Protein backbone atom coordinates (compact mmCIF):
# COMPACT_ATOMS: atom_id res chain seq x y z
CA MET A 1 8.93 9.93 -2.62
CA ASP A 2 6.42 7.28 -3.26
CA CYS A 3 6.02 3.87 -1.48
CA HIS A 4 8.22 1.22 -3.16
CA TYR A 5 5.39 -1.12 -2.48
CA CYS A 6 1.93 0.42 -3.40
CA GLY A 7 2.91 3.80 -4.92
CA ALA A 8 1.26 6.10 -2.44
CA PRO A 9 3.11 9.08 -1.13
CA ALA A 10 6.20 7.52 1.15
CA THR A 11 6.28 9.18 4.49
CA THR A 12 8.69 6.52 6.48
CA LYS A 13 11.18 3.73 5.47
CA ASP A 14 10.81 0.04 5.65
CA HIS A 15 13.40 -2.23 6.95
CA ILE A 16 13.39 -4.88 4.67
CA VAL A 17 14.54 -7.28 7.41
CA PRO A 18 12.86 -5.76 10.56
CA ILE A 19 14.90 -4.35 13.39
CA SER A 20 13.88 -6.63 15.71
CA TYR A 21 15.23 -9.78 13.83
CA ASN A 22 18.34 -8.18 12.01
CA TYR A 23 19.61 -6.63 15.31
CA SER A 24 18.11 -9.17 18.31
CA ASN A 25 21.84 -9.97 19.49
CA ARG A 26 22.91 -6.11 19.28
CA PRO A 27 24.55 -4.51 22.41
CA LYS A 28 21.88 -2.42 24.29
CA ASN A 29 23.79 0.82 24.25
CA HIS A 30 23.82 0.25 20.13
CA ARG A 31 22.45 3.02 18.42
CA SER A 32 23.29 2.10 14.78
CA ARG A 33 19.73 1.08 12.68
CA GLY A 34 21.32 -0.04 9.59
CA GLY A 35 20.33 -2.56 7.21
CA GLN A 36 18.41 -1.98 3.79
CA THR A 37 15.17 -0.07 3.68
CA VAL A 38 12.76 1.45 1.00
CA ASP A 39 10.52 4.36 0.94
CA CYS A 40 7.16 3.39 2.27
CA CYS A 41 3.51 5.04 3.20
CA HIS A 42 2.55 4.90 6.87
CA GLU A 43 0.13 2.18 6.14
CA CYS A 44 1.96 -0.22 4.39
CA ASN A 45 4.64 0.22 6.90
CA SER A 46 2.19 -0.11 9.77
CA LEU A 47 0.63 -3.37 8.29
CA LEU A 48 4.24 -4.97 7.90
CA GLY A 49 5.12 -4.32 11.42
CA ALA A 50 7.86 -6.82 12.26
CA LYS A 51 6.48 -9.83 10.24
CA ALA A 52 9.05 -12.29 9.50
CA LEU A 53 9.25 -11.64 5.82
CA PHE A 54 12.35 -10.79 4.62
CA SER A 55 12.32 -10.19 0.86
CA ILE A 56 10.80 -7.14 -0.86
CA GLU A 57 8.67 -9.63 -2.92
CA GLU A 58 7.54 -11.19 0.37
CA ARG A 59 6.53 -7.84 1.86
CA ALA A 60 4.81 -6.75 -1.38
CA HIS A 61 2.60 -9.80 -1.21
CA GLU A 62 1.50 -9.42 2.37
CA ILE A 63 0.69 -5.86 1.69
CA ALA A 64 -1.39 -6.57 -1.34
CA GLU A 65 -3.54 -9.31 0.73
CA CYS A 66 -3.85 -6.72 4.01
CA LEU A 67 -4.96 -3.95 1.59
CA GLU A 68 -7.54 -6.42 0.03
CA ARG A 69 -8.61 -7.32 3.66
CA ARG A 70 -8.83 -3.95 5.11
CA TYR A 71 -10.61 -2.50 1.95
CA LYS A 72 -12.82 -5.08 1.59
CA LYS A 73 -16.04 -3.32 1.36
CA GLU A 74 -14.81 -0.46 -0.57
CA LEU A 75 -13.58 -3.03 -3.32
CA LYS A 76 -16.88 -4.88 -3.45
CA ALA A 77 -18.68 -1.71 -4.05
CA PRO A 78 -20.78 -1.37 -7.07
CA VAL A 79 -19.63 0.68 -10.28
CA TRP A 80 -21.85 3.50 -11.33
CA SER A 81 -22.49 4.76 -14.69
CA GLU A 82 -22.62 8.42 -15.72
CA GLU A 83 -26.22 7.90 -16.39
CA ASP A 84 -26.80 6.23 -12.86
CA LEU A 85 -25.24 9.15 -11.22
CA ALA A 86 -27.24 11.90 -13.13
CA GLU A 87 -30.55 10.38 -11.43
CA LEU A 88 -29.32 11.34 -7.90
CA GLY A 89 -29.41 14.22 -6.28
CA PRO A 90 -26.08 16.33 -5.96
CA ALA A 91 -25.08 15.31 -2.32
CA LEU A 92 -25.41 11.55 -2.83
CA ARG A 93 -23.88 11.97 -6.46
CA LYS A 94 -20.77 13.88 -4.71
CA GLN A 95 -20.49 11.06 -1.88
CA ILE A 96 -20.78 8.03 -4.56
CA LYS A 97 -18.17 9.72 -6.73
CA ALA A 98 -15.70 9.86 -3.91
CA LYS A 99 -16.12 6.39 -3.19
CA GLN A 100 -15.47 5.34 -6.46
CA PHE A 101 -12.12 7.43 -6.47
CA LEU A 102 -11.23 5.77 -3.28
CA ARG A 103 -11.82 1.97 -5.12
CA ILE A 104 -10.06 3.11 -7.74
CA GLU A 105 -6.99 4.33 -5.73
CA ILE A 106 -7.09 0.76 -3.39
CA LEU A 107 -7.21 -1.00 -6.68
CA GLU A 108 -4.12 0.70 -7.95
CA ARG A 109 -2.41 0.19 -4.87
CA VAL A 110 -3.21 -3.53 -4.57
CA ARG A 111 -2.42 -3.74 -8.60
CA ASN A 112 1.22 -2.07 -7.66
CA ALA A 113 1.82 -4.37 -4.84
CA VAL A 114 0.82 -7.47 -6.65
CA SER A 115 3.15 -6.52 -9.34
CA VAL A 116 5.85 -5.80 -7.20
CA ALA A 117 5.35 -9.09 -5.26
CA GLN A 118 5.37 -10.84 -8.50
CA GLY A 119 8.92 -9.14 -9.80
CA LEU A 120 6.56 -7.52 -12.85
CA LEU A 121 7.60 -4.12 -11.33
CA GLU A 122 10.96 -3.46 -9.44
CA LYS A 123 9.02 -0.58 -7.91
CA ALA A 124 5.58 0.33 -7.83
CA LEU A 125 4.06 3.01 -10.21
CA PRO A 126 3.41 6.48 -8.14
CA LEU A 127 -0.30 6.78 -7.93
CA TRP A 128 -0.24 10.38 -9.37
CA SER A 129 1.08 9.00 -12.55
CA LEU A 130 -1.86 6.50 -13.55
CA SER A 131 -4.40 9.49 -14.08
């Protein structure tokens, strides 16, 4: 399963209406955790927490903004050409290629979240299908 918002592998569920809002009047001994949920990665679920966002589109928009803030440095990293990389030593070249791969992955996650927020995608595309 893949994250509904960003397309990364899903490891948890996100409650569209956070439990803290949806069930504030429930009895203390009530164990039901019902409500609409979607598959979600740990990072997106943690970024959303119990924020008062009550639609998938609002939550996806928040994810996109949070990912851009969290990975601001990685997203601003320069793009290296193969010629530039060839001039570097093997250790530095490997490190820069890893950073470029991370940058591309983050960009795809943000694009997926924006597409879900705008209603262009019902659900994010899996990251592994974008290669």
